[in-house]
């Protein structure tokens, strides 16, 4: 219980010995004859249910009194109150050098230390409040579709079947039932279950392996693994008939309401998660069962894949690329084009000349006077609408520099391009650090129909505002 601050000097207490007046033990911690370390037979009474500050010069015995005497005695008494069986697992503590301490309540010690600042730390995680918020949103949050903003409900097996039937025909399909999702262990019992139920293949950490009569794959017990049983494989066309429905229903039963449909497109397999738990019937967006880990930006299940949960990325900064908007293209408004080497300068010169001719841009006027749509095309490239409108395409300065940075093997070029980068908010999550699915889970809301707040919006609020909202 916090109260008034009482400050006293250890040296003054020892000299005047004012604590000799015997105070009632129920209101005070009475210390008699404290001689631990450099304490000289100290007698004093410390008020209970108050905030007490111990002051004194270095070496006066502040820590000896607070930690080595009062706290040590409190811990020793607590350990002695335990059973003999429990005490054998704990370190035995010796009695501090003190004649008597009375009125001592249960004690704890909080060590002062500098916070460990990392790019992933925020106030909510450092104070561990965020852990409680994750549990709260997982239990009472309302999932919404991040595309159409509708509150999503559970999908039926028939709805899942109809959505799979609408996939492009002629492509290979795998029906997978997830059994292990991000859990450590060797999972031998899972492979035994797969074999016992008559399946011969499983996808383990993204790779399809034969189970059958072979020994199960050896997994590192200290790493997290993904295991899905391959229920069926076929080419999606009109001939699949009832086979598709039977396989999907079996996978839903094995996966306990979760199913993964993996389709091969251009040589790559792409997974689509379906769930009997949460799904948007309009957009087809499915969300796995809400759990605390999907709200964690330190977990791959919740972290934004673009920034890996950091909320920021090193991105090319327009203000650094165009540091002097009053310059024209001819006078070098695009600064990096003149600083990446003589040969590249010639290439870039011809590039923006072609851009000016294709999109009818005056290269002699200041950059800031260019039409907004032309500046957008110059910096970010053409969209499909732009290509239809102008009959030409342009990669864009920023995509071009990004490609150059990604593809070059020259450290010199990389360093030069990094001069035009800044740590900016992630363009995908806008600094929220999480995937769209957990950000679409909301809590609260008003009877008028106003949407509630997601977990990122909650942690941005001030505590007094949060109390009013609750």
Protein backbone atom coordinates (compact mmCIF):
# COMPACT_ATOMS: atom_id res chain seq x y z
CA UNK A 1 0.00 0.00 0.00
CA UNK A 2 1.47 3.35 -1.05
CA UNK A 3 1.35 6.23 1.43
CA UNK A 4 3.49 9.17 2.38
CA UNK A 5 7.23 9.02 1.75
CA UNK A 6 9.27 8.79 4.94
CA UNK A 7 12.98 9.47 4.50
CA UNK A 8 15.57 8.77 7.15
CA UNK A 9 19.35 8.67 7.26
CA UNK A 10 20.99 5.43 8.42
CA UNK A 11 23.93 7.27 9.95
CA UNK A 12 21.65 9.65 11.83
CA UNK A 13 19.55 6.74 13.11
CA UNK A 14 22.58 4.91 14.39
CA UNK A 15 23.94 8.01 16.12
CA UNK A 16 20.78 9.19 17.84
CA UNK A 17 19.32 5.72 18.35
CA UNK A 18 15.81 7.20 18.33
CA UNK A 19 14.26 3.83 17.60
CA UNK A 20 14.61 2.69 21.18
CA UNK A 21 11.02 3.75 21.80
CA UNK A 22 9.17 0.46 21.52
CA UNK A 23 6.43 0.91 18.95
CA UNK A 24 3.51 -1.49 18.57
CA UNK A 25 4.69 -4.34 16.30
CA UNK A 26 1.42 -4.39 14.33
CA UNK A 27 2.12 -0.94 12.89
CA UNK A 28 5.89 -1.14 12.61
CA UNK A 29 8.69 -3.43 11.52
CA UNK A 30 10.81 -3.39 14.67
CA UNK A 31 14.51 -4.11 14.08
CA UNK A 32 16.80 -4.64 17.06
CA UNK A 33 20.54 -5.10 16.99
CA UNK A 34 21.17 -5.19 13.19
CA UNK A 35 24.86 -5.90 12.64
CA UNK A 36 24.95 -7.26 9.09
CA UNK A 37 28.05 -6.12 7.17
CA UNK A 38 28.79 -2.51 8.14
CA UNK A 39 25.69 -1.94 10.29
CA UNK A 40 26.68 -1.02 13.87
CA UNK A 41 24.01 -2.52 16.14
CA UNK A 42 21.19 -0.55 14.52
CA UNK A 43 17.80 -0.29 16.30
CA UNK A 44 14.89 1.27 14.41
CA UNK A 45 11.18 0.99 13.68
CA UNK A 46 9.92 1.23 10.10
CA UNK A 47 6.22 2.14 9.63
CA UNK A 48 4.20 -0.52 7.82
CA UNK A 49 1.80 0.27 4.95
CA UNK A 50 3.91 3.29 4.02
CA UNK A 51 6.43 4.01 1.30
CA UNK A 52 9.74 4.30 3.11
CA UNK A 53 12.87 5.68 1.46
CA UNK A 54 16.28 4.79 2.90
CA UNK A 55 18.91 7.47 2.24
CA UNK A 56 22.52 7.84 3.19
CA UNK A 57 26.03 8.31 1.82
CA UNK A 58 27.83 5.48 0.08
CA UNK A 59 28.82 2.79 2.56
CA UNK A 60 26.31 3.84 5.21
CA UNK A 61 24.54 0.47 5.06
CA UNK A 62 21.42 1.12 2.97
CA UNK A 63 21.59 -2.18 1.06
CA UNK A 64 22.76 -4.05 4.16
CA UNK A 65 19.61 -2.98 5.98
CA UNK A 66 17.06 -3.30 3.17
CA UNK A 67 18.29 -6.43 1.35
CA UNK A 68 20.75 -8.29 3.59
CA UNK A 69 18.72 -7.87 6.78
CA UNK A 70 14.99 -7.18 6.23
CA UNK A 71 14.52 -8.98 2.90
CA UNK A 72 16.85 -11.86 3.84
CA UNK A 73 14.96 -12.49 7.07
CA UNK A 74 11.60 -12.39 5.29
CA UNK A 75 12.77 -14.93 2.70
CA UNK A 76 14.30 -17.16 5.39
CA UNK A 77 11.02 -17.24 7.31
CA UNK A 78 9.06 -18.03 4.17
CA UNK A 79 11.30 -20.98 3.30
CA UNK A 80 11.10 -22.31 6.84
CA UNK A 81 7.30 -22.25 6.59
CA UNK A 82 7.42 -24.78 3.73
CA UNK A 83 7.36 -28.52 4.18
CA UNK A 84 10.58 -30.47 4.59
CA UNK A 85 10.02 -32.00 1.14
CA UNK A 86 9.79 -28.58 -0.53
CA UNK A 87 12.76 -27.16 1.40
CA UNK A 88 15.11 -29.82 0.05
CA UNK A 89 14.84 -28.25 -3.42
CA UNK A 90 15.54 -24.72 -2.21
CA UNK A 91 18.73 -23.07 -1.16
CA UNK A 92 19.03 -22.86 2.61
CA UNK A 93 19.31 -19.27 3.81
CA UNK A 94 21.25 -18.29 6.94
CA UNK A 95 19.79 -15.96 9.52
CA UNK A 96 21.08 -12.40 9.14
CA UNK A 97 23.16 -10.92 11.96
CA UNK A 98 20.32 -9.27 13.90
CA UNK A 99 18.96 -9.79 17.40
CA UNK A 100 15.28 -9.60 16.51
CA UNK A 101 12.88 -8.46 13.77
CA UNK A 102 9.17 -8.31 14.57
CA UNK A 103 6.13 -7.19 12.57
CA UNK A 104 7.73 -8.38 9.32
CA UNK A 105 5.17 -9.10 6.55
CA UNK A 106 5.86 -11.29 3.47
CA UNK A 107 8.60 -9.58 1.46
CA UNK A 108 9.61 -9.35 -2.18
CA UNK A 109 12.60 -7.68 -3.79
CA UNK A 110 12.53 -5.86 -7.13
CA UNK A 111 15.89 -5.25 -8.71
CA UNK A 112 16.46 -1.98 -10.52
CA UNK A 113 17.94 -2.52 -13.98
CA UNK A 114 18.08 -0.82 -17.32
CA UNK A 115 15.42 -1.90 -19.78
CA UNK A 116 16.59 -4.17 -22.57
CA UNK A 117 15.66 -2.08 -25.57
CA UNK A 118 15.23 -4.13 -28.75
CA UNK A 119 13.42 -3.28 -31.99
CA UNK A 120 10.66 -5.66 -30.89
CA UNK A 121 10.15 -4.13 -27.45
CA UNK A 122 7.32 -1.75 -26.67
CA UNK A 123 5.97 -0.53 -23.34
CA UNK A 124 3.18 -3.12 -23.41
CA UNK A 125 5.59 -6.05 -23.91
CA UNK A 126 8.16 -4.80 -21.42
CA UNK A 127 5.51 -4.49 -18.72
CA UNK A 128 3.92 -7.80 -19.86
CA UNK A 129 0.54 -6.10 -20.22
CA UNK A 130 0.53 -7.17 -23.85
CA UNK A 131 0.41 -10.83 -22.81
CA UNK A 132 -2.90 -10.22 -21.04
CA UNK A 133 -4.24 -8.30 -24.02
CA UNK A 134 -3.39 -11.20 -26.34
CA UNK A 135 -5.36 -13.59 -24.15
CA UNK A 136 -8.25 -11.12 -23.93
CA UNK A 137 -8.53 -10.70 -27.71
CA UNK A 138 -8.19 -14.45 -28.28
CA UNK A 139 -11.07 -15.22 -25.91
CA UNK A 140 -13.60 -12.43 -26.42
CA UNK A 141 -12.51 -10.69 -29.63
CA UNK A 142 -14.78 -10.60 -32.68
CA UNK A 143 -13.12 -11.68 -35.95
CA UNK A 144 -13.82 -9.58 -39.04
CA UNK A 145 -12.88 -9.97 -42.68
CA UNK A 146 -9.92 -7.70 -43.39
CA UNK A 147 -11.14 -7.23 -46.97
CA UNK A 148 -14.83 -6.36 -46.66
CA UNK A 149 -14.91 -5.54 -42.92
CA UNK A 150 -17.82 -7.90 -42.23
CA UNK A 151 -17.86 -9.94 -39.04
CA UNK A 152 -17.03 -13.46 -40.09
CA UNK A 153 -18.66 -16.64 -38.93
CA UNK A 154 -17.95 -20.33 -39.12
CA UNK A 155 -17.91 -22.06 -42.52
CA UNK A 156 -19.86 -25.21 -43.13
CA UNK A 157 -18.34 -28.19 -44.92
CA UNK A 158 -20.61 -27.55 -47.92
CA UNK A 159 -19.42 -23.94 -48.22
CA UNK A 160 -15.81 -25.12 -48.24
CA UNK A 161 -16.57 -27.70 -50.93
CA UNK A 162 -18.23 -25.05 -53.13
CA UNK A 163 -15.25 -22.69 -52.79
CA UNK A 164 -12.79 -25.42 -53.79
CA UNK A 165 -14.94 -26.34 -56.80
CA UNK A 166 -14.62 -22.72 -57.99
CA UNK A 167 -10.82 -22.94 -58.15
CA UNK A 168 -9.26 -23.01 -61.66
CA UNK A 169 -9.58 -26.46 -63.19
CA UNK A 170 -6.71 -28.50 -64.55
CA UNK A 171 -4.30 -27.81 -61.70
CA UNK A 172 -2.92 -30.42 -59.27
CA UNK A 173 -4.56 -30.28 -55.85
CA UNK A 174 -3.52 -31.65 -52.45
CA UNK A 175 -6.02 -31.98 -49.64
CA UNK A 176 -4.17 -31.66 -46.31
CA UNK A 177 -5.33 -32.04 -42.74
CA UNK A 178 -3.11 -30.15 -40.25
CA UNK A 179 -2.17 -32.20 -37.20
CA UNK A 180 0.78 -30.26 -35.75
CA UNK A 181 1.05 -26.49 -36.12
CA UNK A 182 4.19 -24.92 -34.70
CA UNK A 183 4.88 -27.32 -31.83
CA UNK A 184 8.23 -28.64 -30.67
CA UNK A 185 8.99 -32.35 -30.40
CA UNK A 186 9.76 -35.46 -32.43
CA UNK A 187 6.03 -36.23 -32.83
CA UNK A 188 6.52 -39.95 -33.38
CA UNK A 189 3.02 -40.64 -32.10
CA UNK A 190 1.61 -38.39 -34.84
CA UNK A 191 3.36 -40.38 -37.58
CA UNK A 192 2.15 -43.57 -35.98
CA UNK A 193 -1.40 -42.23 -36.05
CA UNK A 194 -1.05 -41.33 -39.74
CA UNK A 195 0.16 -44.86 -40.55
CA UNK A 196 -2.52 -46.48 -38.39
CA UNK A 197 -5.31 -44.61 -40.17
CA UNK A 198 -4.08 -45.84 -43.54
CA UNK A 199 -2.41 -42.76 -44.99
CA UNK A 200 0.94 -43.08 -46.72
CA UNK A 201 2.09 -39.46 -47.10
CA UNK A 202 2.46 -36.41 -44.92
CA UNK A 203 3.83 -32.94 -45.47
CA UNK A 204 6.45 -32.20 -42.84
CA UNK A 205 7.75 -28.62 -42.62
CA UNK A 206 6.64 -27.98 -46.20
CA UNK A 207 8.06 -31.19 -47.71
CA UNK A 208 5.94 -34.19 -48.69
CA UNK A 209 7.42 -37.43 -47.32
CA UNK A 210 6.41 -41.07 -47.54
CA UNK A 211 5.20 -42.57 -44.28
CA UNK A 212 3.92 -46.02 -45.25
CA UNK A 213 6.27 -48.77 -44.12
CA UNK A 214 9.26 -46.47 -43.78
CA UNK A 215 10.55 -45.16 -40.50
CA UNK A 216 9.11 -41.75 -39.64
CA UNK A 217 11.38 -38.78 -40.36
CA UNK A 218 13.66 -37.77 -37.48
CA UNK A 219 12.64 -34.35 -36.22
CA UNK A 220 14.59 -32.02 -33.96
CA UNK A 221 12.70 -32.04 -30.69
CA UNK A 222 13.78 -28.48 -29.89
CA UNK A 223 12.42 -26.94 -33.09
CA UNK A 224 8.85 -26.11 -34.05
CA UNK A 225 7.32 -28.25 -36.76
CA UNK A 226 4.36 -28.35 -39.11
CA UNK A 227 2.83 -31.74 -39.91
CA UNK A 228 -0.12 -32.23 -42.24
CA UNK A 229 -1.44 -35.55 -43.44
CA UNK A 230 -1.99 -35.80 -47.21
CA UNK A 231 -5.58 -36.98 -47.47
CA UNK A 232 -5.82 -36.94 -51.27
CA UNK A 233 -4.08 -35.75 -54.44
CA UNK A 234 -5.72 -35.27 -57.84
CA UNK A 235 -6.17 -32.99 -60.81
CA UNK A 236 -9.11 -30.65 -60.24
CA UNK A 237 -11.59 -31.11 -63.09
CA UNK A 238 -15.15 -32.21 -63.76
CA UNK A 239 -14.34 -35.90 -63.24
CA UNK A 240 -13.52 -35.67 -59.53
CA UNK A 241 -17.23 -35.90 -58.66
CA UNK A 242 -17.91 -37.00 -55.09
CA UNK A 243 -14.23 -37.71 -54.48
CA UNK A 244 -13.60 -34.04 -53.70
CA UNK A 245 -16.43 -33.86 -51.17
CA UNK A 246 -15.42 -37.13 -49.50
CA UNK A 247 -11.77 -36.06 -49.22
CA UNK A 248 -12.62 -32.63 -47.85
CA UNK A 249 -15.01 -34.02 -45.25
CA UNK A 250 -12.41 -36.58 -44.16
CA UNK A 251 -9.73 -33.88 -43.91
CA UNK A 252 -12.04 -31.68 -41.82
CA UNK A 253 -12.63 -34.57 -39.45
CA UNK A 254 -8.93 -35.37 -39.10
CA UNK A 255 -7.89 -31.72 -38.87
CA UNK A 256 -10.62 -30.96 -36.34
CA UNK A 257 -12.28 -28.33 -38.48
CA UNK A 258 -9.15 -27.06 -40.26
CA UNK A 259 -8.16 -27.97 -43.79
CA UNK A 260 -5.47 -26.84 -46.22
CA UNK A 261 -6.04 -27.01 -49.97
CA UNK A 262 -2.71 -26.69 -51.77
CA UNK A 263 -2.85 -25.94 -55.51
CA UNK A 264 0.11 -26.06 -57.90
CA UNK A 265 0.40 -22.97 -60.10
CA UNK A 266 3.39 -22.23 -62.34
CA UNK A 267 5.42 -24.89 -60.57
CA UNK A 268 4.75 -23.55 -57.07
CA UNK A 269 2.34 -24.84 -54.44
CA UNK A 270 0.07 -22.28 -52.85
CA UNK A 271 -1.88 -23.05 -49.70
CA UNK A 272 -5.39 -21.89 -48.90
CA UNK A 273 -6.60 -22.38 -45.34
CA UNK A 274 -10.24 -23.23 -44.75
CA UNK A 275 -11.86 -23.47 -41.37
CA UNK A 276 -15.16 -24.53 -39.96
CA UNK A 277 -14.47 -21.99 -37.26
CA UNK A 278 -14.14 -18.55 -38.91
CA UNK A 279 -14.60 -17.56 -42.56
CA UNK A 280 -16.01 -14.75 -44.68
CA UNK A 281 -18.65 -16.15 -47.06
CA UNK A 282 -18.27 -13.14 -49.40
CA UNK A 283 -14.50 -12.85 -49.81
CA UNK A 284 -13.56 -16.42 -48.88
CA UNK A 285 -11.08 -15.18 -46.27
CA UNK A 286 -10.52 -17.86 -43.63
CA UNK A 287 -9.00 -17.30 -40.20
CA UNK A 288 -7.57 -20.00 -37.98
CA UNK A 289 -8.96 -20.37 -34.49
CA UNK A 290 -8.19 -17.32 -32.40
CA UNK A 291 -5.29 -17.99 -30.04
CA UNK A 292 -2.91 -15.67 -28.15
CA UNK A 293 0.02 -16.46 -30.45
CA UNK A 294 -1.60 -14.93 -33.55
CA UNK A 295 -1.63 -11.57 -31.76
CA UNK A 296 2.11 -11.72 -31.07
CA UNK A 297 4.44 -9.87 -33.44
CA UNK A 298 7.30 -11.97 -32.03
CA UNK A 299 5.69 -15.13 -33.41
CA UNK A 300 5.64 -16.17 -37.09
CA UNK A 301 1.93 -16.88 -36.67
CA UNK A 302 1.15 -13.23 -35.97
CA UNK A 303 4.06 -11.16 -37.29
CA UNK A 304 3.60 -9.16 -40.47
CA UNK A 305 5.53 -11.11 -43.16
CA UNK A 306 6.74 -7.93 -44.85
CA UNK A 307 8.58 -6.47 -41.84
CA UNK A 308 8.83 -9.63 -39.67
CA UNK A 309 6.95 -7.93 -36.86
CA UNK A 310 9.21 -4.88 -36.55
CA UNK A 311 6.66 -2.41 -37.89
CA UNK A 312 9.33 -0.60 -39.91
CA UNK A 313 11.40 -1.30 -43.00
CA UNK A 314 14.36 0.30 -44.66
CA UNK A 315 12.59 1.84 -47.65
CA UNK A 316 13.61 4.24 -50.36
CA UNK A 317 12.58 7.71 -49.22
CA UNK A 318 11.10 10.10 -51.80
CA UNK A 319 12.41 13.11 -49.86
CA UNK A 320 15.96 11.75 -50.17
CA UNK A 321 15.58 10.75 -53.83
CA UNK A 322 14.17 14.19 -54.70
CA UNK A 323 15.95 16.42 -52.14
CA UNK A 324 15.37 19.60 -54.19
CA UNK A 325 11.91 19.55 -55.79
CA UNK A 326 12.57 22.98 -57.29
CA UNK A 327 15.01 21.38 -59.75
CA UNK A 328 13.82 20.09 -63.10
CA UNK A 329 14.53 16.63 -64.47
CA UNK A 330 17.16 18.11 -66.78
CA UNK A 331 18.93 19.79 -63.85
CA UNK A 332 19.11 16.56 -61.84
CA UNK A 333 15.99 16.45 -59.68
CA UNK A 334 16.43 12.67 -59.34
CA UNK A 335 19.66 12.78 -57.36
CA UNK A 336 20.67 9.06 -57.31
CA UNK A 337 20.64 8.92 -61.12
CA UNK A 338 23.78 11.05 -61.14
CA UNK A 339 25.61 9.26 -58.33
CA UNK A 340 25.66 5.60 -59.33
CA UNK A 341 28.55 5.70 -61.75
CA UNK A 342 29.16 7.23 -65.20
CA UNK A 343 27.81 4.29 -67.22
CA UNK A 344 24.64 4.10 -65.15
CA UNK A 345 24.19 7.86 -65.39
CA UNK A 346 24.07 7.57 -69.17
CA UNK A 347 21.51 4.72 -68.90
CA UNK A 348 19.33 6.64 -66.45
CA UNK A 349 19.54 9.79 -68.57
CA UNK A 350 18.08 7.94 -71.52
CA UNK A 351 15.51 6.32 -69.21
CA UNK A 352 13.92 9.52 -67.99
CA UNK A 353 14.16 11.02 -71.48
CA UNK A 354 12.07 8.10 -72.77
CA UNK A 355 9.67 8.59 -69.85
CA UNK A 356 9.25 12.26 -70.72
CA UNK A 357 8.54 11.46 -74.36
CA UNK A 358 6.06 8.64 -73.64
CA UNK A 359 4.07 10.52 -71.00
CA UNK A 360 4.45 14.03 -72.41
CA UNK A 361 6.35 15.51 -69.48
CA UNK A 362 8.16 18.84 -69.69
CA UNK A 363 11.69 18.14 -68.43
CA UNK A 364 12.50 21.83 -67.93
CA UNK A 365 9.90 22.72 -65.30
CA UNK A 366 10.54 22.14 -61.56
CA UNK A 367 9.69 18.69 -60.33
CA UNK A 368 7.09 19.97 -57.87
CA UNK A 369 5.13 21.55 -60.75
CA UNK A 370 4.67 18.22 -62.56
CA UNK A 371 1.10 16.88 -62.57
CA UNK A 372 0.40 14.56 -59.65
CA UNK A 373 -0.35 11.55 -61.85
CA UNK A 374 2.91 12.00 -63.78
CA UNK A 375 4.93 12.26 -60.55
CA UNK A 376 3.26 9.09 -59.29
CA UNK A 377 4.19 7.23 -62.49
CA UNK A 378 7.75 8.58 -62.45
CA UNK A 379 8.34 7.49 -58.86
CA UNK A 380 6.29 4.30 -58.54
CA UNK A 381 5.68 3.10 -62.10
CA UNK A 382 2.56 2.54 -64.18
CA UNK A 383 -0.53 0.67 -63.12
CA UNK A 384 -2.80 -1.22 -65.50
CA UNK A 385 -5.05 1.83 -65.77
CA UNK A 386 -2.04 4.03 -66.56
CA UNK A 387 -0.90 1.65 -69.31
CA UNK A 388 -4.39 1.67 -70.86
CA UNK A 389 -4.56 5.45 -70.62
CA UNK A 390 -1.13 6.33 -72.00
CA UNK A 391 -0.37 3.24 -74.07
CA UNK A 392 3.04 2.92 -72.43
CA UNK A 393 4.61 1.40 -69.35
CA UNK A 394 7.33 2.60 -67.00
CA UNK A 395 8.98 0.71 -64.15
CA UNK A 396 9.32 3.72 -61.85
CA UNK A 397 12.34 5.20 -60.09
CA UNK A 398 11.71 3.51 -56.73
CA UNK A 399 11.03 -0.01 -58.12
CA UNK A 400 14.07 0.39 -60.39
CA UNK A 401 16.36 1.29 -57.47
CA UNK A 402 14.87 -1.53 -55.37
CA UNK A 403 15.61 -4.02 -58.16
CA UNK A 404 19.09 -2.63 -58.60
CA UNK A 405 19.73 -2.92 -54.84
CA UNK A 406 18.40 -6.49 -54.77
CA UNK A 407 20.20 -7.79 -57.85
CA UNK A 408 23.59 -6.10 -57.70
CA UNK A 409 26.63 -7.88 -56.29
CA UNK A 410 28.48 -4.59 -55.83
CA UNK A 411 28.78 -3.43 -52.23
CA UNK A 412 29.56 0.04 -53.53
CA UNK A 413 26.23 0.27 -55.37
CA UNK A 414 24.36 -1.11 -52.36
CA UNK A 415 25.92 1.50 -50.07
CA UNK A 416 25.10 4.28 -52.53
CA UNK A 417 21.44 3.23 -52.79
CA UNK A 418 21.19 2.86 -48.99
CA UNK A 419 22.00 6.58 -48.75
CA UNK A 420 18.49 7.15 -50.11
CA UNK A 421 16.76 4.83 -47.66
CA UNK A 422 15.07 5.65 -44.37
CA UNK A 423 13.44 3.56 -41.69
CA UNK A 424 9.81 4.02 -42.59
CA UNK A 425 6.58 2.47 -41.40
CA UNK A 426 6.00 -0.91 -43.03
CA UNK A 427 3.83 -0.31 -46.14
CA UNK A 428 1.89 -3.53 -45.51
CA UNK A 429 0.97 -3.34 -41.80
CA UNK A 430 1.40 0.47 -41.53
CA UNK A 431 3.50 0.01 -38.38
CA UNK A 432 1.02 -2.30 -36.61
CA UNK A 433 3.50 -5.24 -36.81
CA UNK A 434 0.79 -7.89 -37.23
CA UNK A 435 -0.81 -9.81 -40.09
CA UNK A 436 -4.16 -8.56 -41.46
CA UNK A 437 -6.06 -11.44 -39.81
CA UNK A 438 -5.29 -10.58 -36.15
CA UNK A 439 -5.67 -6.86 -36.89
CA UNK A 440 -9.21 -7.60 -38.09
CA UNK A 441 -10.16 -8.99 -34.66
CA UNK A 442 -11.91 -6.27 -32.68
CA UNK A 443 -13.02 -5.77 -29.14
CA UNK A 444 -15.81 -3.55 -27.87
CA UNK A 445 -17.85 -1.28 -30.08
CA UNK A 446 -20.90 0.86 -29.47
CA UNK A 447 -24.61 -0.03 -29.71
CA UNK A 448 -24.82 2.39 -32.64
CA UNK A 449 -22.86 -0.11 -34.70
CA UNK A 450 -19.45 1.57 -34.51
CA UNK A 451 -16.68 -0.97 -34.91
CA UNK A 452 -14.54 -1.85 -31.91
CA UNK A 453 -10.77 -1.51 -31.70
CA UNK A 454 -8.10 -3.97 -32.69
CA UNK A 455 -5.17 -4.81 -30.44
CA UNK A 456 -2.83 -2.29 -32.10
CA UNK A 457 -5.34 0.53 -31.62
CA UNK A 458 -5.75 -0.44 -27.97
CA UNK A 459 -2.04 -0.27 -27.17
CA UNK A 460 -1.84 3.15 -28.84
CA UNK A 461 -4.39 4.56 -26.38
CA UNK A 462 -3.56 6.42 -23.20
CA UNK A 463 -4.49 4.61 -20.02
CA UNK A 464 -7.06 7.22 -18.95
CA UNK A 465 -8.73 7.06 -22.37
CA UNK A 466 -8.73 3.28 -22.21
CA UNK A 467 -10.46 3.34 -18.82
CA UNK A 468 -13.19 5.66 -20.17
CA UNK A 469 -13.67 3.44 -23.24
CA UNK A 470 -14.01 0.33 -21.13
